[in-house]
Protein backbone atom coordinates (compact mmCIF):
# COMPACT_ATOMS: atom_id res chain seq x y z
CA UNK A 1 -75.04 -30.65 7.47
CA UNK A 2 -73.97 -30.30 11.01
CA UNK A 3 -70.43 -28.81 12.37
CA UNK A 4 -69.31 -32.22 12.82
CA UNK A 5 -69.89 -33.51 9.32
CA UNK A 6 -68.55 -30.45 7.89
CA UNK A 7 -65.10 -30.58 9.90
CA UNK A 8 -64.60 -34.23 8.23
CA UNK A 9 -65.16 -32.72 5.11
CA UNK A 10 -63.05 -29.54 5.64
CA UNK A 11 -60.42 -32.58 6.66
CA UNK A 12 -60.63 -34.69 3.80
CA UNK A 13 -60.29 -31.57 1.46
CA UNK A 14 -57.09 -30.47 3.24
CA UNK A 15 -55.82 -34.15 2.89
CA UNK A 16 -56.18 -33.50 -0.82
CA UNK A 17 -54.63 -30.27 -0.60
CA UNK A 18 -51.29 -31.84 1.07
CA UNK A 19 -51.31 -34.27 -1.63
CA UNK A 20 -51.95 -31.91 -4.59
CA UNK A 21 -49.19 -29.27 -2.87
CA UNK A 22 -46.67 -32.37 -2.80
CA UNK A 23 -46.80 -33.05 -6.61
CA UNK A 24 -45.43 -29.13 -6.98
CA UNK A 25 -42.58 -29.57 -4.65
CA UNK A 26 -41.66 -32.75 -6.47
CA UNK A 27 -42.55 -31.20 -9.94
CA UNK A 28 -39.98 -28.88 -8.51
CA UNK A 29 -37.23 -30.06 -7.42
CA UNK A 30 -37.29 -33.79 -8.20
CA UNK A 31 -37.35 -34.05 -11.61
CA UNK A 32 -33.65 -35.62 -11.89
CA UNK A 33 -33.94 -38.23 -9.39
CA UNK A 34 -34.92 -41.98 -10.43
CA UNK A 35 -38.93 -42.54 -10.37
CA UNK A 36 -38.17 -45.75 -8.58
CA UNK A 37 -35.36 -44.10 -6.27
CA UNK A 38 -37.65 -41.07 -5.63
CA UNK A 39 -40.90 -42.98 -4.55
CA UNK A 40 -38.61 -45.69 -2.22
CA UNK A 41 -37.10 -42.51 -0.63
CA UNK A 42 -39.94 -40.96 0.12
CA UNK A 43 -42.01 -43.45 1.58
CA UNK A 44 -39.62 -44.67 3.34
CA UNK A 45 -39.41 -41.62 4.99
CA UNK A 46 -43.12 -41.33 5.23
CA UNK A 47 -43.40 -44.87 7.44
CA UNK A 48 -40.46 -43.59 9.60
CA UNK A 49 -42.34 -39.90 10.36
CA UNK A 50 -45.12 -42.06 11.31
CA UNK A 51 -43.33 -44.58 13.61
CA UNK A 52 -42.02 -41.51 15.20
CA UNK A 53 -45.17 -40.58 16.34
CA UNK A 54 -46.06 -43.90 17.13
CA UNK A 55 -43.42 -43.89 19.92
CA UNK A 56 -44.83 -40.43 21.04
CA UNK A 57 -48.88 -41.64 21.08
CA UNK A 58 -48.18 -45.52 21.70
CA UNK A 59 -50.21 -45.90 24.62
CA UNK A 60 -53.07 -44.42 22.70
CA UNK A 61 -53.01 -47.14 19.95
CA UNK A 62 -55.23 -49.88 19.09
CA UNK A 63 -53.36 -53.27 18.18
CA UNK A 64 -56.62 -56.17 18.72
CA UNK A 65 -57.01 -56.49 14.75
CA UNK A 66 -59.03 -59.66 14.27
CA UNK A 67 -57.55 -61.50 11.12
CA UNK A 68 -60.14 -60.38 8.48
CA UNK A 69 -58.65 -56.74 9.53
CA UNK A 70 -55.50 -57.78 9.23
CA UNK A 71 -55.78 -59.41 6.04
CA UNK A 72 -57.53 -55.82 4.84
CA UNK A 73 -54.60 -53.96 6.50
CA UNK A 74 -51.89 -55.98 4.24
CA UNK A 75 -53.71 -55.45 0.95
CA UNK A 76 -54.33 -51.91 1.90
CA UNK A 77 -50.97 -51.65 1.70
CA UNK A 78 -49.44 -53.44 -0.89
CA UNK A 79 -51.99 -52.06 -3.39
CA UNK A 80 -52.20 -48.35 -2.37
CA UNK A 81 -48.57 -47.94 -1.17
CA UNK A 82 -46.52 -49.97 -3.39
CA UNK A 83 -48.57 -51.41 -6.83
CA UNK A 84 -50.62 -48.14 -7.09
CA UNK A 85 -47.21 -45.91 -7.11
CA UNK A 86 -45.45 -48.33 -9.63
CA UNK A 87 -48.45 -48.76 -12.28
CA UNK A 88 -48.98 -45.02 -12.38
CA UNK A 89 -45.11 -44.39 -13.11
CA UNK A 90 -45.06 -47.26 -15.89
CA UNK A 91 -48.26 -46.07 -17.53
CA UNK A 92 -47.25 -42.61 -17.59
CA UNK A 93 -44.47 -43.29 -19.71
CA UNK A 94 -46.94 -44.45 -22.10
CA UNK A 95 -49.66 -42.17 -22.43
CA UNK A 96 -50.23 -38.16 -22.63
CA UNK A 97 -51.13 -35.88 -19.55
CA UNK A 98 -54.57 -35.63 -21.04
CA UNK A 99 -55.34 -39.14 -20.16
CA UNK A 100 -53.52 -39.25 -17.27
CA UNK A 101 -55.98 -36.64 -16.03
CA UNK A 102 -58.46 -38.90 -16.96
CA UNK A 103 -58.00 -41.77 -15.64
CA UNK A 104 -57.34 -40.02 -11.97
CA UNK A 105 -60.89 -38.53 -12.48
CA UNK A 106 -61.65 -42.42 -12.27
CA UNK A 107 -60.68 -42.64 -8.92
CA UNK A 108 -63.97 -41.58 -7.27
CA UNK A 109 -66.30 -43.82 -9.86
CA UNK A 110 -63.94 -46.41 -8.85
CA UNK A 111 -64.71 -46.88 -4.71
CA UNK A 112 -68.52 -45.79 -5.60
CA UNK A 113 -68.26 -49.43 -7.17
CA UNK A 114 -65.94 -51.17 -4.40
CA UNK A 115 -67.72 -49.16 -1.57
CA UNK A 116 -71.28 -50.93 -2.51
CA UNK A 117 -70.06 -54.20 -3.08
CA UNK A 118 -67.55 -54.13 -0.08
CA UNK A 119 -68.60 -51.63 2.23
CA UNK A 120 -72.28 -52.00 1.31
CA UNK A 121 -72.36 -48.47 1.19
CA UNK A 122 -74.57 -47.60 -1.62
CA UNK A 123 -74.93 -44.70 -3.13
CA UNK A 124 -77.87 -42.44 -3.34
CA UNK A 125 -79.44 -40.79 -6.52
CA UNK A 126 -77.87 -37.41 -5.98
CA UNK A 127 -74.58 -38.94 -5.49
CA UNK A 128 -74.71 -40.39 -8.64
CA UNK A 129 -75.44 -37.41 -10.42
CA UNK A 130 -72.43 -35.93 -8.59
CA UNK A 131 -69.89 -38.17 -9.60
CA UNK A 132 -71.39 -37.88 -13.41
CA UNK A 133 -70.88 -34.31 -12.86
CA UNK A 134 -67.26 -34.20 -11.24
CA UNK A 135 -66.37 -36.62 -14.35
CA UNK A 136 -67.78 -34.70 -17.23
CA UNK A 137 -65.52 -31.62 -15.61
CA UNK A 138 -62.78 -33.35 -15.23
CA UNK A 139 -63.24 -34.34 -19.29
CA UNK A 140 -63.72 -30.46 -19.90
CA UNK A 141 -61.15 -29.27 -17.65
CA UNK A 142 -58.56 -31.06 -19.83
CA UNK A 143 -59.74 -29.54 -22.73
CA UNK A 144 -62.39 -32.19 -24.48
CA UNK A 145 -59.25 -33.86 -25.91
CA UNK A 146 -59.29 -37.48 -26.76
CA UNK A 147 -57.04 -40.05 -24.93
CA UNK A 148 -54.01 -40.25 -26.17
CA UNK A 149 -51.27 -43.04 -25.79
CA UNK A 150 -50.74 -46.86 -25.94
CA UNK A 151 -53.45 -49.53 -24.58
CA UNK A 152 -50.87 -50.70 -22.22
CA UNK A 153 -50.43 -47.30 -20.55
CA UNK A 154 -53.67 -46.68 -20.30
CA UNK A 155 -54.19 -50.40 -18.53
CA UNK A 156 -51.51 -49.51 -16.08
CA UNK A 157 -52.78 -46.34 -15.56
CA UNK A 158 -56.44 -48.29 -14.92
CA UNK A 159 -54.72 -51.10 -12.36
CA UNK A 160 -52.66 -48.29 -10.69
CA UNK A 161 -56.59 -46.24 -10.36
CA UNK A 162 -58.25 -49.43 -9.06
CA UNK A 163 -55.67 -49.97 -6.62
CA UNK A 164 -55.39 -46.28 -5.25
CA UNK A 165 -59.41 -47.30 -4.90
CA UNK A 166 -59.29 -50.71 -3.21
CA UNK A 167 -56.73 -49.40 -0.63
CA UNK A 168 -59.28 -46.82 0.02
CA UNK A 169 -62.24 -49.41 0.51
CA UNK A 170 -59.80 -51.47 2.30
CA UNK A 171 -58.73 -48.65 4.81
CA UNK A 172 -62.52 -47.87 5.67
CA UNK A 173 -63.54 -51.43 6.52
CA UNK A 174 -60.97 -51.45 9.32
CA UNK A 175 -61.44 -47.95 10.33
CA UNK A 176 -65.09 -47.68 10.43
CA UNK A 177 -65.28 -49.89 13.36
CA UNK A 178 -65.25 -48.71 17.05
CA UNK A 179 -61.98 -47.39 18.51
CA UNK A 180 -58.99 -45.19 16.90
CA UNK A 181 -57.17 -47.35 14.56
CA UNK A 182 -55.78 -44.52 12.74
CA UNK A 183 -52.48 -44.69 13.72
CA UNK A 184 -51.70 -48.33 13.80
CA UNK A 185 -53.37 -48.72 10.09
CA UNK A 186 -51.35 -45.91 8.94
CA UNK A 187 -47.92 -47.58 10.33
CA UNK A 188 -48.76 -50.87 9.32
CA UNK A 189 -49.32 -49.53 5.41
CA UNK A 190 -46.61 -47.10 5.21
CA UNK A 191 -44.47 -50.16 6.96
CA UNK A 192 -45.53 -52.66 3.83
CA UNK A 193 -45.03 -50.07 1.18
CA UNK A 194 -41.45 -48.54 2.58
CA UNK A 195 -40.54 -52.40 2.67
CA UNK A 196 -41.27 -52.90 -0.77
CA UNK A 197 -40.67 -49.83 -2.23
CA UNK A 198 -37.05 -48.79 -1.06
CA UNK A 199 -35.29 -52.15 -2.01
CA UNK A 200 -36.31 -51.65 -5.22
CA UNK A 201 -35.74 -48.21 -5.67
CA UNK A 202 -31.91 -49.59 -4.53
CA UNK A 203 -31.89 -52.04 -7.39
CA UNK A 204 -33.37 -49.93 -9.69
CA UNK A 205 -29.81 -48.61 -10.46
CA UNK A 206 -30.98 -45.36 -10.68
CA UNK A 207 -28.34 -42.21 -8.82
CA UNK A 208 -29.14 -42.63 -4.97
CA UNK A 209 -26.45 -39.69 -4.64
CA UNK A 210 -28.89 -36.87 -5.92
CA UNK A 211 -30.69 -38.04 -2.60
CA UNK A 212 -27.87 -36.20 -0.57
CA UNK A 213 -27.93 -32.98 -2.42
CA UNK A 214 -29.49 -30.66 -0.01
CA UNK A 215 -32.50 -29.36 -1.88
CA UNK A 216 -33.35 -32.91 -2.83
CA UNK A 217 -33.11 -34.19 0.70
CA UNK A 218 -35.64 -31.39 1.94
CA UNK A 219 -38.09 -31.96 -0.64
CA UNK A 220 -38.10 -35.63 0.30
CA UNK A 221 -37.88 -35.13 3.83
CA UNK A 222 -40.98 -32.86 3.26
CA UNK A 223 -43.34 -34.84 0.76
CA UNK A 224 -42.47 -37.98 3.06
CA UNK A 225 -44.16 -36.28 6.02
CA UNK A 226 -46.92 -34.94 3.91
CA UNK A 227 -47.35 -38.47 2.88
CA UNK A 228 -46.99 -39.55 6.12
CA UNK A 229 -49.45 -37.54 8.04
CA UNK A 230 -52.06 -36.73 5.99
CA UNK A 231 -52.43 -40.60 5.32
CA UNK A 232 -53.01 -40.45 8.99
CA UNK A 233 -55.72 -38.09 8.43
CA UNK A 234 -57.10 -39.69 5.24
CA UNK A 235 -57.73 -42.59 7.66
CA UNK A 236 -59.39 -40.84 10.24
CA UNK A 237 -61.87 -39.62 8.03
CA UNK A 238 -62.62 -42.44 6.44
CA UNK A 239 -63.52 -43.76 9.87
CA UNK A 240 -66.59 -40.94 9.86
CA UNK A 241 -67.21 -40.73 6.33
CA UNK A 242 -68.37 -43.36 3.34
CA UNK A 243 -65.61 -43.95 0.76
CA UNK A 244 -66.72 -42.43 -2.01
CA UNK A 245 -67.61 -38.93 0.42
CA UNK A 246 -64.02 -38.78 0.65
CA UNK A 247 -62.89 -40.06 -2.49
CA UNK A 248 -64.97 -37.47 -4.56
CA UNK A 249 -62.25 -34.50 -3.00
CA UNK A 250 -59.63 -36.56 -4.68
CA UNK A 251 -61.30 -35.34 -8.05
CA UNK A 252 -60.58 -31.60 -6.76
CA UNK A 253 -56.66 -32.13 -7.05
CA UNK A 254 -56.79 -31.15 -10.68
CA UNK A 255 -58.24 -27.78 -9.96
CA UNK A 256 -55.71 -27.27 -6.89
CA UNK A 257 -52.35 -28.41 -8.61
CA UNK A 258 -53.45 -26.21 -11.63
CA UNK A 259 -54.05 -23.30 -9.30
CA UNK A 260 -50.82 -24.34 -6.89
CA UNK A 261 -48.82 -24.11 -10.39
CA UNK A 262 -50.09 -20.32 -11.56
CA UNK A 263 -49.26 -19.33 -8.04
CA UNK A 264 -45.51 -21.54 -7.80
CA UNK A 265 -44.31 -22.24 -11.35
CA UNK A 266 -45.96 -19.17 -13.58
CA UNK A 267 -48.65 -21.60 -15.66
CA UNK A 268 -52.15 -20.18 -16.59
CA UNK A 269 -55.59 -21.17 -16.47
CA UNK A 270 -57.75 -21.22 -19.78
CA UNK A 271 -61.66 -21.18 -19.73
CA UNK A 272 -61.61 -24.82 -20.25
CA UNK A 273 -59.69 -24.97 -16.46
CA UNK A 274 -62.32 -22.74 -15.18
CA UNK A 275 -65.43 -24.33 -16.66
CA UNK A 276 -64.23 -28.12 -15.75
CA UNK A 277 -63.49 -27.10 -12.50
CA UNK A 278 -67.14 -25.65 -11.59
CA UNK A 279 -68.36 -28.80 -12.70
CA UNK A 280 -66.26 -30.75 -10.49
CA UNK A 281 -67.01 -28.62 -7.43
CA UNK A 282 -70.84 -29.15 -7.91
CA UNK A 283 -70.16 -32.90 -8.80
CA UNK A 284 -68.14 -32.50 -5.16
CA UNK A 285 -71.10 -30.79 -3.68
CA UNK A 286 -73.65 -32.88 -4.87
CA UNK A 287 -71.94 -36.48 -3.42
CA UNK A 288 -71.46 -34.83 -0.08
CA UNK A 289 -74.47 -32.53 0.50
CA UNK A 290 -77.17 -34.29 2.81
CA UNK A 291 -80.70 -32.76 2.96
CA UNK A 292 -80.79 -34.65 6.72
CA UNK A 293 -78.84 -33.82 9.82
CA UNK A 294 -75.54 -35.92 10.03
CA UNK A 295 -76.29 -39.04 12.29
CA UNK A 296 -74.18 -42.10 12.66
CA UNK A 297 -75.34 -45.59 12.98
CA UNK A 298 -73.61 -47.29 15.23
CA UNK A 299 -74.01 -50.46 13.09
CA UNK A 300 -71.64 -49.00 10.61
CA UNK A 301 -69.25 -47.99 12.76
């Protein structure tokens, strides 16, 4: 594994860490805000952050997308930045935390399947074993308990994870081509998400006034900026890494959130957490480790 590939893998891992940190921030200070108001506000800040960055770097931005790329970006925005969080919120109301964690582990499996179909990125045998190891690790991490909750809630979470996976694949479909589309793709997808989630938040009946409290407003600002810039970094990773190679790091968020919870929320790790975490890390290593040197095939970019 050469230095260039290692840097891209490290960036993908860093993005998942930013997402994990944002979960802790929301858990610390945003429990009293309506979920729809919260998502709408965060997505709006995310879009505005990317838009501000665009006005600084616009002379270097690629906008000459063809029709199929535009369709892929619109679909990515609709499903990844609007539908996925909405289905997740509904589903979480009807299932246990363990069930939600298990469904999160489906992400890499769904990305692997969709990547093979849409991107023609077929996983190697080693990667298949890696995904299996990560899945087993997640199950152990969560205590090996059975899934709990209603079938409706599970269906909502399944649709949410499928939406996130399809968003990753659609983004990879666009950004892997020649040129720098990282900022323009992030601007389009964030804009679509904000255009849908902000009105829903305002019409939901939740208290928007709570956002005026400086602790909550600051948290929304920080999380929104994390979402915006982490999304750009993630798109850049998908330009150089296969969809599955990047998506497997999302499984490590389970470990990251647990460690951050110990540090900032006073929670404790169990032996299940430790053993399951090792399984997840082994799975990520198997998916991303290559015996051969890392060479980018121009035909696939």
